[in-house]
Amino acid sequence: MKKRILIPIIAVGIFFTTVSFKSDFFEIAKQIEIFTTLFKELNMNYVDEVTPATLMDKAIKGMLEDLDPYTVYWNEQQVEDAKINNSGIYTGIGASAQSKKDKIIIVEPYQGYPADKAGLKAGDEIIKIGDVTIADLEDDAGELLKGAPGSKVNITYKRQGKTATATITRDAVEIKAVPFYKLINNDIGYIVLSQFNGRTTFETKAALVDLKSQGAKKIILDLRGNPGGLLNEAINVVNLFVEKDEVITTTKSVIEKYNQTYKTKNEPVDTEIPLVVLVNGRSASASEIVSGGLQDLDRAVIVGARSFGKGLVQRPKKLTYGTQLKVTISRYYTPSGRCIQALDYWHRDENGDPVRKDAKEYNAFKTKGGRTVYDGGGILPDVQLESAVFSPITTALLKDNAIFDYATKYYYSHQMADWKNFKFGEADFQDFLKFLKDNNFEYETETEKKFAEGLKISEDDDMSKDISASYNQLMAAIDSAKDKAIVDKKVEIESLLMDEILKRYFYREGLYNYQIEHNLEILEAVAVLNDAGRYNKILK
């Protein structure tokens, strides 16, 4: 069979903008020529038929994988997805979903949107969209759920072992940057900021102004779990609380044009109102620009757990045929000069993993008012709470979807009319432990990994027979310790179980209302704001 040959034509624009590019130009041109020739010969001569697009996609990913994980190639669909994510608006069924090999799992139907109206629930497994069986599809099946407003899509899904169908009418879906805000205790405004898209500043400002009109004299800004987003939106959110012309972040790079200073440009809403910012290990990037900026300017008390530590800035660069390269262009620094990047992707250990900066090597910096803060590993809160830190066992439960799956089981076996009366008792926790055993939940600790590596080395040294009995005893002891770890972290695990369960019955609004009264980090934030002496002492 005659093969169709795709030969990439690469137009190289020569812009002598930097000395480094001038000196590297011959090498760049040489490598491009080698790659182009290789790609052509491979397509023309390989023993079996190959797909040029697939080969190119893998080649690009292979080239980028040794860099940081944020430098990535976007195909046309991924470019559109990024635009949607930044705008916060798209057309579809209105649900958060997770693609698996042979199904799409509904993670959260958004209240009042098409999926919710059609009766879909979290945990439902979509196995067919229209006439397309997801198991037979190599591409992202989730794209089939998108379409024009008013168009219909038929789906087949499984729920609790039974198969059902639904017809969903697509509609415009708005993903709110501020999904919830409320006045609590008559004088504290609580604002949940879940992402930094194009509407973040508008929604945050609107919430702040509305809360102040209701009588808010203090503010809690909740950035927990916020993965970041648009840099300019982060600057503008800080600007709501600080004066015009304050430096919020600087970016530094070996490329001169990416060395930038970002200042506030607008008049603030309120520079005096007491402010607490909540962060945790899933608060990243733009969230850290906000929390780090407010901390360095002594404008807010940071409460929770150390943030993620993403101090790298990306920018999309247009390529041909509607594709883009999202490339890391610089590192960002807080007003005091801190870079909060936690992992060093350019220096790796013997296993190829990025090196994390040791706490002993953290550098000290001074805030505007003279307080000492440190770089090297995210934003360290002024008030650290153990309840905000995820233990290894909890992280494993989340990664394995054990908490999500148990919440699904709980929902179909319990009635609940009011979130105010919700309790997760000892019998419920024991049922969760049984659920883990019945579903063969397992996770590997770092200790197990190291012992397994040691056993492998002992095999190479012909010593494995002598130590295998001791090794098995150690593994049994570790298994026992892991069972104990789940019980030891009962409060932490129960909190996540309750959060996931509440969303099933009362959506996010019910969850947030419940958390205001029961969540330990929110209660601590309230306590800090209600103690003016403590608040002022922290900031001095």
Protein backbone atom coordinates (compact mmCIF):
# COMPACT_ATOMS: atom_id res chain seq x y z
CA MET A 1 0.00 0.00 0.00
CA LYS A 2 1.28 3.44 -0.89
CA LYS A 3 1.84 5.56 2.15
CA ARG A 4 0.73 9.12 2.56
CA ILE A 5 3.77 11.10 3.58
CA LEU A 6 3.59 14.24 5.65
CA ILE A 7 6.80 16.23 5.59
CA PRO A 8 6.82 19.12 8.03
CA ILE A 9 7.79 22.40 6.47
CA ILE A 10 9.36 24.56 9.11
CA ALA A 11 9.61 28.25 8.48
CA VAL A 12 12.27 29.69 10.70
CA GLY A 13 11.92 33.39 11.36
CA ILE A 14 15.31 34.82 12.10
CA PHE A 15 15.11 37.58 14.66
CA PHE A 16 18.48 38.44 16.12
CA THR A 17 17.08 39.75 19.38
CA THR A 18 19.54 38.24 21.81
CA VAL A 19 23.18 37.32 21.81
CA SER A 20 22.34 33.79 22.95
CA PHE A 21 20.04 33.25 19.98
CA LYS A 22 22.69 34.56 17.57
CA SER A 23 25.28 32.16 18.91
CA ASP A 24 22.84 29.22 18.93
CA PHE A 25 21.29 29.86 15.53
CA PHE A 26 23.52 27.53 13.54
CA GLU A 27 22.98 24.75 16.10
CA ILE A 28 19.20 25.30 16.03
CA ALA A 29 19.11 25.20 12.22
CA LYS A 30 21.29 22.09 12.18
CA GLN A 31 19.06 20.20 14.63
CA ILE A 32 15.90 21.22 12.74
CA GLU A 33 17.39 19.87 9.51
CA ILE A 34 18.36 16.58 11.18
CA PHE A 35 14.91 16.16 12.69
CA THR A 36 13.11 17.01 9.43
CA THR A 37 15.20 14.50 7.50
CA LEU A 38 14.69 11.81 10.14
CA PHE A 39 10.94 12.38 10.22
CA LYS A 40 10.68 12.12 6.42
CA GLU A 41 12.77 8.94 6.20
CA LEU A 42 10.88 7.31 9.06
CA ASN A 43 7.52 7.95 7.38
CA MET A 44 8.78 6.72 4.00
CA ASN A 45 10.59 3.58 5.11
CA TYR A 46 9.18 2.14 8.34
CA VAL A 47 8.07 -1.51 8.08
CA ASP A 48 4.48 -0.82 9.20
CA GLU A 49 2.20 2.08 8.45
CA VAL A 50 2.68 4.96 10.84
CA THR A 51 0.64 8.07 11.53
CA PRO A 52 2.70 11.24 11.08
CA ALA A 53 0.57 13.27 13.49
CA THR A 54 0.92 10.66 16.24
CA LEU A 55 4.67 10.40 15.73
CA MET A 56 5.06 14.17 15.83
CA ASP A 57 2.95 14.45 18.97
CA LYS A 58 5.11 11.88 20.76
CA ALA A 59 8.31 13.52 19.52
CA ILE A 60 7.23 16.89 20.86
CA LYS A 61 6.23 15.44 24.23
CA GLY A 62 9.55 13.60 24.45
CA MET A 63 11.42 16.83 23.78
CA LEU A 64 9.56 18.68 26.51
CA GLU A 65 9.37 16.02 29.23
CA ASP A 66 12.80 16.78 30.70
CA LEU A 67 11.87 20.42 31.22
CA ASP A 68 9.36 21.62 33.81
CA PRO A 69 5.84 20.10 33.66
CA TYR A 70 4.27 23.45 32.78
CA THR A 71 6.03 23.78 29.42
CA VAL A 72 3.64 21.87 27.16
CA TYR A 73 2.41 21.59 23.58
CA TRP A 74 -1.26 22.35 22.96
CA ASN A 75 -3.09 20.96 19.96
CA GLU A 76 -6.00 22.92 18.48
CA GLN A 77 -8.53 21.51 20.94
CA GLN A 78 -6.31 22.19 23.94
CA VAL A 79 -5.88 25.79 22.76
CA GLU A 80 -9.66 26.19 22.72
CA ASP A 81 -9.92 24.55 26.15
CA ALA A 82 -7.40 27.05 27.53
CA LYS A 83 -9.41 29.95 26.12
CA ILE A 84 -12.56 28.58 27.74
CA ASN A 85 -10.76 28.10 31.06
CA ASN A 86 -9.51 31.68 31.02
CA SER A 87 -12.87 33.15 30.04
CA GLY A 88 -14.87 31.04 32.49
CA ILE A 89 -17.64 30.50 29.92
CA TYR A 90 -18.32 27.57 27.57
CA THR A 91 -21.22 25.66 26.03
CA GLY A 92 -21.86 22.15 27.26
CA ILE A 93 -23.73 20.07 29.81
CA GLY A 94 -22.51 21.92 32.91
CA ALA A 95 -20.59 19.34 34.91
CA SER A 96 -17.08 18.63 36.10
CA ALA A 97 -16.04 15.23 34.73
CA GLN A 98 -13.09 12.85 34.77
CA SER A 99 -12.17 10.79 31.71
CA LYS A 100 -11.18 7.18 32.28
CA LYS A 101 -10.21 4.56 29.69
CA ASP A 102 -13.74 3.35 28.96
CA LYS A 103 -15.98 5.94 30.63
CA ILE A 104 -16.47 9.51 31.76
CA ILE A 105 -17.21 9.91 35.45
CA ILE A 106 -19.37 12.82 36.54
CA VAL A 107 -17.45 14.46 39.39
CA GLU A 108 -19.85 17.30 40.06
CA PRO A 109 -22.99 18.44 38.20
CA TYR A 110 -23.27 22.22 38.50
CA GLN A 111 -26.49 23.28 40.18
CA GLY A 112 -29.13 24.50 37.75
CA TYR A 113 -27.21 23.60 34.59
CA PRO A 114 -28.19 21.00 31.92
CA ALA A 115 -26.60 17.90 33.50
CA ASP A 116 -28.24 18.71 36.82
CA LYS A 117 -31.61 19.36 35.16
CA ALA A 118 -31.33 16.02 33.34
CA GLY A 119 -30.86 14.24 36.67
CA LEU A 120 -27.18 13.31 36.43
CA LYS A 121 -25.42 12.76 39.76
CA ALA A 122 -21.81 12.68 40.92
CA GLY A 123 -20.49 9.17 40.41
CA ASP A 124 -22.53 8.46 37.27
CA GLU A 125 -20.40 6.73 34.62
CA ILE A 126 -21.10 7.83 31.04
CA ILE A 127 -20.32 4.91 28.72
CA LYS A 128 -21.86 6.16 25.47
CA ILE A 129 -22.39 9.59 23.88
CA GLY A 130 -24.79 9.51 20.95
CA ASP A 131 -23.76 6.48 18.92
CA VAL A 132 -20.17 6.57 20.14
CA THR A 133 -19.05 4.02 22.73
CA ILE A 134 -16.37 5.67 24.84
CA ALA A 135 -14.34 2.47 25.16
CA ASP A 136 -13.85 2.54 21.37
CA LEU A 137 -12.70 6.16 21.27
CA GLU A 138 -9.02 7.12 21.40
CA ASP A 139 -9.57 10.89 21.54
CA ASP A 140 -10.92 12.86 24.49
CA ALA A 141 -14.55 11.75 24.70
CA GLY A 142 -15.42 14.77 26.81
CA GLU A 143 -15.31 16.95 23.69
CA LEU A 144 -18.46 15.17 22.46
CA LEU A 145 -20.38 16.68 25.37
CA LYS A 146 -19.72 20.20 24.08
CA GLY A 147 -21.72 21.80 21.29
CA ALA A 148 -23.92 24.69 20.23
CA PRO A 149 -26.41 26.20 22.71
CA GLY A 150 -29.76 24.46 22.42
CA SER A 151 -28.36 21.35 20.74
CA LYS A 152 -29.16 17.99 22.28
CA VAL A 153 -26.91 15.10 23.20
CA ASN A 154 -28.02 11.59 24.15
CA ILE A 155 -25.95 9.77 26.73
CA THR A 156 -25.94 6.28 28.21
CA TYR A 157 -24.63 5.97 31.74
CA LYS A 158 -24.28 3.53 34.62
CA ARG A 159 -25.43 4.26 38.15
CA GLN A 160 -25.05 1.75 40.96
CA GLY A 161 -24.73 -1.11 38.47
CA LYS A 162 -27.80 -0.14 36.41
CA THR A 163 -27.74 1.37 32.91
CA ALA A 164 -29.87 4.40 32.03
CA THR A 165 -30.14 7.02 29.29
CA ALA A 166 -30.70 10.77 29.27
CA THR A 167 -31.13 13.51 26.70
CA ILE A 168 -29.36 16.73 27.67
CA THR A 169 -29.89 20.12 26.05
CA ARG A 170 -26.58 21.98 25.94
CA ASP A 171 -26.42 25.53 27.22
CA ALA A 172 -23.94 28.28 28.08
CA VAL A 173 -22.09 27.43 31.29
CA GLU A 174 -20.41 30.07 33.43
CA ILE A 175 -17.69 28.89 35.81
CA LYS A 176 -17.64 31.43 38.60
CA ALA A 177 -14.32 32.56 40.00
CA VAL A 178 -16.21 33.45 43.20
CA PRO A 179 -18.72 30.61 43.63
CA PHE A 180 -19.78 31.74 47.12
CA TYR A 181 -19.65 34.67 49.52
CA LYS A 182 -21.57 35.44 52.67
CA LEU A 183 -21.69 37.69 55.72
CA ILE A 184 -20.98 35.64 58.85
CA ASN A 185 -21.25 36.64 62.51
CA ASN A 186 -22.80 39.95 61.38
CA ASP A 187 -19.47 41.65 60.64
CA ILE A 188 -17.15 39.22 58.76
CA GLY A 189 -17.30 38.86 55.01
CA TYR A 190 -16.31 35.42 53.72
CA ILE A 191 -15.28 35.14 50.04
CA VAL A 192 -14.38 31.89 48.26
CA LEU A 193 -12.05 32.55 45.32
CA SER A 194 -11.67 29.29 43.39
CA GLN A 195 -9.72 30.32 40.27
CA PHE A 196 -8.16 33.25 38.43
CA ASN A 197 -10.00 33.60 35.13
CA GLY A 198 -10.98 36.70 33.19
CA ARG A 199 -13.82 37.52 35.59
CA THR A 200 -11.95 37.08 38.87
CA THR A 201 -11.36 40.74 39.75
CA PHE A 202 -14.89 41.75 38.74
CA GLU A 203 -16.50 39.01 40.85
CA THR A 204 -14.19 39.50 43.85
CA LYS A 205 -14.74 43.26 43.86
CA ALA A 206 -18.51 42.82 43.54
CA ALA A 207 -18.52 40.39 46.48
CA LEU A 208 -16.35 42.70 48.60
CA VAL A 209 -18.48 45.77 47.91
CA ASP A 210 -21.71 43.86 48.57
CA LEU A 211 -20.40 42.42 51.85
CA LYS A 212 -19.30 45.86 53.03
CA SER A 213 -22.76 47.20 52.24
CA GLN A 214 -24.20 44.41 54.42
CA GLY A 215 -22.02 45.48 57.33
CA ALA A 216 -18.76 43.55 56.88
CA LYS A 217 -15.95 45.10 58.94
CA LYS A 218 -13.47 42.24 58.36
CA ILE A 219 -12.79 39.91 55.42
CA ILE A 220 -11.76 36.27 54.93
CA LEU A 221 -10.45 35.49 51.42
CA ASP A 222 -10.41 31.72 50.91
CA LEU A 223 -7.79 30.60 48.36
CA ARG A 224 -7.62 26.97 49.49
CA GLY A 225 -7.50 24.62 46.52
CA ASN A 226 -7.17 27.51 44.05
CA PRO A 227 -4.70 26.32 41.35
CA GLY A 228 -4.06 29.78 39.95
CA GLY A 229 -4.60 31.26 36.51
CA LEU A 230 -4.14 34.72 35.03
CA LEU A 231 -1.30 36.81 36.47
CA ASN A 232 -2.96 40.19 35.86
CA GLU A 233 -6.08 39.06 37.71
CA ALA A 234 -3.93 38.19 40.74
CA ILE A 235 -2.39 41.68 40.69
CA ASN A 236 -5.83 43.26 40.46
CA VAL A 237 -7.21 41.21 43.36
CA VAL A 238 -4.37 42.43 45.60
CA ASN A 239 -5.12 45.94 44.33
CA LEU A 240 -8.56 45.76 45.96
CA PHE A 241 -6.81 45.92 49.33
CA VAL A 242 -3.64 47.99 48.69
CA GLU A 243 -2.86 51.41 47.26
CA LYS A 244 -2.13 52.19 43.64
CA ASP A 245 1.52 51.86 42.43
CA GLU A 246 2.52 49.10 44.88
CA VAL A 247 4.86 46.44 43.47
CA ILE A 248 3.11 43.06 43.79
CA THR A 249 5.46 40.82 41.85
CA THR A 250 8.49 40.91 39.58
CA THR A 251 9.40 38.33 36.95
CA LYS A 252 12.99 37.44 36.08
CA SER A 253 14.41 35.53 33.12
CA VAL A 254 17.59 35.15 31.08
CA ILE A 255 15.59 36.82 28.29
CA GLU A 256 15.56 40.56 28.99
CA LYS A 257 12.04 41.29 27.71
CA TYR A 258 10.55 38.93 30.29
CA ASN A 259 12.07 40.85 33.20
CA GLN A 260 9.00 42.75 34.32
CA THR A 261 7.68 44.58 37.37
CA TYR A 262 3.95 44.39 38.05
CA LYS A 263 2.37 47.18 40.07
CA THR A 264 -1.18 47.92 41.13
CA LYS A 265 -2.82 50.34 38.69
CA ASN A 266 -6.22 51.13 40.17
CA GLU A 267 -7.72 52.81 43.18
CA PRO A 268 -8.36 50.24 45.96
CA VAL A 269 -11.70 49.37 47.54
CA ASP A 270 -10.44 49.27 51.14
CA THR A 271 -6.85 49.47 52.42
CA GLU A 272 -7.73 49.30 56.12
CA ILE A 273 -10.27 46.50 56.53
CA PRO A 274 -8.72 43.58 58.52
CA LEU A 275 -8.01 40.70 56.16
CA VAL A 276 -7.23 36.99 56.58
CA VAL A 277 -6.24 34.83 53.60
CA LEU A 278 -6.69 31.04 53.77
CA VAL A 279 -4.23 28.83 51.83
CA ASN A 280 -3.24 25.16 51.72
CA GLY A 281 -1.01 22.82 49.75
CA ARG A 282 -3.28 23.08 46.71
CA SER A 283 -3.11 26.89 46.54
CA ALA A 284 -0.73 27.60 43.67
CA SER A 285 0.65 30.14 41.22
CA ALA A 286 -1.66 33.20 41.08
CA SER A 287 -2.97 32.23 44.54
CA GLU A 288 0.60 32.52 45.82
CA ILE A 289 1.09 35.88 44.13
CA VAL A 290 -1.97 37.15 46.03
CA SER A 291 -1.12 35.58 49.39
CA GLY A 292 2.61 36.32 49.08
CA GLY A 293 2.00 39.90 48.02
CA LEU A 294 -0.43 40.60 50.84
CA GLN A 295 1.93 38.93 53.33
CA ASP A 296 4.99 40.89 52.17
CA LEU A 297 3.06 44.16 52.34
CA ASP A 298 1.83 43.26 55.86
CA ARG A 299 -1.70 43.73 54.57
CA ALA A 300 -3.16 40.36 55.58
CA VAL A 301 -2.66 37.50 58.01
CA ILE A 302 -2.13 34.23 56.14
CA VAL A 303 -3.75 31.18 57.80
CA GLY A 304 -3.61 27.48 56.90
CA ALA A 305 -0.81 25.32 55.48
CA ARG A 306 2.20 25.97 53.26
CA SER A 307 1.08 26.63 49.69
CA PHE A 308 2.08 24.52 46.69
CA GLY A 309 5.17 26.44 45.60
CA LYS A 310 4.72 27.19 41.89
CA GLY A 311 6.89 30.19 41.15
CA LEU A 312 7.12 29.78 37.39
CA VAL A 313 5.39 31.96 34.80
CA GLN A 314 4.10 30.59 31.48
CA ARG A 315 3.05 32.31 28.29
CA PRO A 316 1.34 30.73 25.25
CA LYS A 317 3.23 31.11 21.96
CA LYS A 318 1.34 30.64 18.70
CA LEU A 319 2.55 27.90 16.38
CA THR A 320 1.17 26.83 13.00
CA TYR A 321 -2.23 25.21 12.34
CA GLY A 322 -3.86 26.65 15.44
CA THR A 323 -1.49 24.97 17.90
CA GLN A 324 0.46 26.64 20.69
CA LEU A 325 3.44 26.15 22.96
CA LYS A 326 2.81 27.08 26.57
CA VAL A 327 6.35 27.84 27.67
CA THR A 328 7.85 28.80 31.01
CA ILE A 329 9.38 32.24 30.42
CA SER A 330 10.35 33.44 33.89
CA ARG A 331 10.23 33.02 37.65
CA TYR A 332 8.14 35.34 39.75
CA TYR A 333 9.18 37.02 42.98
CA THR A 334 7.09 38.52 45.77
CA PRO A 335 7.53 42.18 46.85
CA SER A 336 10.21 41.23 49.39
CA GLY A 337 12.22 39.38 46.72
CA ARG A 338 11.18 35.80 47.50
CA CYS A 339 10.89 33.16 44.80
CA ILE A 340 8.45 30.61 46.18
CA GLN A 341 9.23 27.84 43.64
CA ALA A 342 9.48 24.61 45.64
CA LEU A 343 10.84 22.12 43.09
CA ASP A 344 14.01 22.53 41.03
CA TYR A 345 13.27 20.84 37.70
CA TRP A 346 16.73 21.69 36.35
CA HIS A 347 18.55 19.70 39.05
CA ARG A 348 17.27 16.17 39.61
CA ASP A 349 18.15 13.30 41.94
CA GLU A 350 19.37 9.84 40.98
CA ASN A 351 15.78 8.78 40.22
CA GLY A 352 15.24 11.69 37.86
CA ASP A 353 12.89 13.50 40.24
CA PRO A 354 13.18 17.28 40.71
CA VAL A 355 15.02 18.34 43.84
CA ARG A 356 13.10 20.12 46.60
CA LYS A 357 15.01 22.87 48.34
CA ASP A 358 15.98 21.88 51.87
CA ALA A 359 14.51 24.04 54.63
CA LYS A 360 18.03 24.68 55.92
CA GLU A 361 18.77 26.45 52.64
CA TYR A 362 15.79 28.81 52.73
CA ASN A 363 16.77 32.47 52.56
CA ALA A 364 15.33 35.11 54.89
CA PHE A 365 13.62 38.24 53.58
CA LYS A 366 11.91 41.19 55.20
CA THR A 367 8.33 42.34 54.69
CA LYS A 368 7.48 46.00 54.26
CA GLY A 369 7.08 46.31 58.03
CA GLY A 370 10.24 44.36 58.88
CA ARG A 371 8.84 40.88 59.58
CA THR A 372 11.01 37.90 58.55
CA VAL A 373 9.69 35.61 55.81
CA TYR A 374 11.38 32.84 53.81
CA ASP A 375 11.63 31.66 50.21
CA GLY A 376 12.00 28.21 48.70
CA GLY A 377 8.81 26.35 49.34
CA GLY A 378 5.53 28.13 48.79
CA ILE A 379 3.97 30.70 51.09
CA LEU A 380 4.33 29.73 54.75
CA PRO A 381 1.28 30.97 56.69
CA ASP A 382 1.59 33.32 59.65
CA VAL A 383 -0.77 30.95 61.48
CA GLN A 384 -0.05 27.31 60.61
CA LEU A 385 -2.78 24.72 61.15
CA GLU A 386 -2.22 20.98 61.17
CA SER A 387 -5.80 20.46 60.02
CA ALA A 388 -4.95 22.18 56.71
CA VAL A 389 -2.14 19.73 55.87
CA PHE A 390 -2.90 16.52 53.98
CA SER A 391 -1.07 13.48 55.35
CA PRO A 392 0.31 10.82 52.96
CA ILE A 393 -2.57 8.47 53.74
CA THR A 394 -5.16 11.17 53.02
CA THR A 395 -3.41 12.08 49.78
CA ALA A 396 -3.49 8.41 48.77
CA LEU A 397 -7.21 8.15 49.55
CA LEU A 398 -7.91 11.19 47.38
CA LYS A 399 -5.72 9.98 44.53
CA ASP A 400 -7.42 6.58 44.56
CA ASN A 401 -10.89 8.24 44.56
CA ALA A 402 -11.71 6.27 47.71
CA ILE A 403 -13.35 9.28 49.40
CA PHE A 404 -15.29 10.16 46.23
CA ASP A 405 -16.48 6.57 45.73
CA TYR A 406 -17.54 6.18 49.36
CA ALA A 407 -19.54 9.42 49.15
CA THR A 408 -21.38 7.94 46.17
CA LYS A 409 -22.19 4.82 48.18
CA TYR A 410 -23.31 6.92 51.15
CA TYR A 411 -25.60 9.10 49.02
CA TYR A 412 -27.62 6.14 47.76
CA SER A 413 -28.03 4.59 51.20
CA HIS A 414 -28.88 7.64 53.34
CA GLN A 415 -31.60 10.29 53.35
CA MET A 416 -30.70 13.86 54.31
CA ALA A 417 -33.05 16.84 54.33
CA ASP A 418 -30.94 19.53 56.00
CA TRP A 419 -27.17 20.10 56.11
CA LYS A 420 -27.48 21.66 59.57
CA ASN A 421 -28.24 18.28 61.14
CA PHE A 422 -25.53 16.32 59.30
CA LYS A 423 -23.25 14.19 61.45
CA PHE A 424 -20.70 11.57 60.41
CA GLY A 425 -20.53 9.23 63.39
CA GLU A 426 -18.28 6.40 64.54
CA ALA A 427 -20.48 3.81 62.82
CA ASP A 428 -20.10 5.73 59.56
CA PHE A 429 -16.31 5.82 59.89
CA GLN A 430 -16.19 2.08 60.60
CA ASP A 431 -18.32 1.57 57.49
CA PHE A 432 -15.77 3.59 55.53
CA LEU A 433 -12.94 1.38 56.83
CA LYS A 434 -14.91 -1.69 55.75
CA PHE A 435 -15.46 -0.08 52.35
CA LEU A 436 -11.69 0.32 51.94
CA LYS A 437 -11.08 -3.35 52.75
CA ASP A 438 -13.91 -4.56 50.50
CA ASN A 439 -12.48 -2.54 47.61
CA ASN A 440 -8.86 -3.60 48.27
CA PHE A 441 -7.56 -0.10 48.86
CA GLU A 442 -3.77 -0.07 48.87
CA TYR A 443 -1.05 2.54 48.81
CA GLU A 444 2.73 2.41 48.94
CA THR A 445 4.60 4.43 51.54
CA GLU A 446 8.04 5.94 51.00
CA THR A 447 9.32 3.44 53.58
CA GLU A 448 8.03 0.53 51.49
CA LYS A 449 9.61 1.97 48.36
CA LYS A 450 13.01 2.22 50.04
CA PHE A 451 12.80 -1.31 51.47
CA ALA A 452 11.77 -2.67 48.04
CA GLU A 453 14.78 -0.94 46.50
CA GLY A 454 16.97 -2.49 49.20
CA LEU A 455 15.56 -5.95 48.50
CA LYS A 456 16.29 -5.53 44.80
CA ILE A 457 19.88 -4.60 45.60
CA SER A 458 20.16 -7.64 47.89
CA GLU A 459 19.15 -9.87 44.96
CA ASP A 460 22.00 -8.45 42.93
CA ASP A 461 24.33 -9.16 45.86
CA ASP A 462 23.00 -12.75 46.29
CA MET A 463 21.75 -11.91 49.78
CA SER A 464 17.97 -11.99 49.26
CA LYS A 465 17.48 -15.50 50.67
CA ASP A 466 19.14 -14.50 53.93
CA ILE A 467 17.04 -11.40 54.48
CA SER A 468 13.68 -12.28 52.87
CA ALA A 469 12.15 -13.49 56.15
CA SER A 470 13.09 -10.27 57.92
CA TYR A 471 11.83 -8.28 54.94
CA ASN A 472 8.43 -10.00 55.11
CA GLN A 473 8.20 -9.23 58.82
CA LEU A 474 8.97 -5.58 58.12
CA MET A 475 6.27 -5.45 55.42
CA ALA A 476 3.73 -6.95 57.82
CA ALA A 477 4.65 -4.33 60.42
CA ILE A 478 4.28 -1.58 57.82
CA ASP A 479 0.84 -2.88 56.78
CA SER A 480 -0.23 -2.75 60.41
CA ALA A 481 1.14 0.79 60.74
CA LYS A 482 -0.76 1.86 57.61
CA ASP A 483 -4.03 0.60 59.07
CA LYS A 484 -3.28 2.55 62.22
CA ALA A 485 -2.44 5.67 60.17
CA ILE A 486 -5.97 5.78 58.77
CA VAL A 487 -7.41 5.74 62.29
CA ASP A 488 -4.84 8.28 63.52
CA LYS A 489 -5.91 10.67 60.74
CA LYS A 490 -9.59 10.09 61.41
CA VAL A 491 -10.47 13.78 61.93
CA GLU A 492 -8.69 14.81 58.73
CA ILE A 493 -10.29 12.03 56.68
CA GLU A 494 -13.74 12.55 58.17
CA SER A 495 -13.62 16.23 57.22
CA LEU A 496 -13.01 15.37 53.56
CA LEU A 497 -15.67 12.66 53.61
CA MET A 498 -18.22 15.08 55.03
CA ASP A 499 -17.34 17.72 52.43
CA GLU A 500 -17.80 15.28 49.56
CA ILE A 501 -21.01 13.85 50.98
CA LEU A 502 -22.56 17.27 51.57
CA LYS A 503 -21.96 18.29 47.95
CA ARG A 504 -24.04 15.29 46.82
CA TYR A 505 -27.11 16.53 48.67
CA PHE A 506 -26.79 20.31 48.81
CA TYR A 507 -24.30 21.24 46.08
CA ARG A 508 -21.47 23.68 46.83
CA GLU A 509 -23.71 26.25 48.45
CA GLY A 510 -24.71 23.77 51.13
CA LEU A 511 -21.10 22.70 51.58
CA TYR A 512 -19.87 26.27 52.05
CA ASN A 513 -22.65 27.07 54.50
CA TYR A 514 -21.73 23.99 56.52
CA GLN A 515 -18.02 24.82 56.46
CA ILE A 516 -18.61 28.33 57.77
CA GLU A 517 -19.90 26.78 60.98
CA HIS A 518 -17.63 23.73 61.25
CA ASN A 519 -14.41 24.01 59.21
CA LEU A 520 -11.38 24.38 61.51
CA GLU A 521 -9.45 26.73 59.21
CA ILE A 522 -12.41 29.07 58.76
CA LEU A 523 -13.08 29.05 62.51
CA GLU A 524 -9.42 29.94 63.14
CA ALA A 525 -9.63 32.78 60.61
CA VAL A 526 -12.68 34.11 62.43
CA ALA A 527 -10.83 33.84 65.76
CA VAL A 528 -7.86 35.82 64.41
CA LEU A 529 -10.12 38.58 63.08
CA ASN A 530 -12.10 38.76 66.31
CA ASP A 531 -8.92 39.27 68.36
CA ALA A 532 -7.60 42.68 67.27
CA GLY A 533 -4.58 42.42 69.56
CA ARG A 534 -3.53 39.08 68.12
CA TYR A 535 -4.17 40.25 64.54
CA ASN A 536 -2.04 43.38 64.97
CA LYS A 537 0.73 41.50 66.79
CA ILE A 538 1.07 39.03 63.90
CA LEU A 539 1.51 41.87 61.42
CA LYS A 540 4.15 43.68 63.49
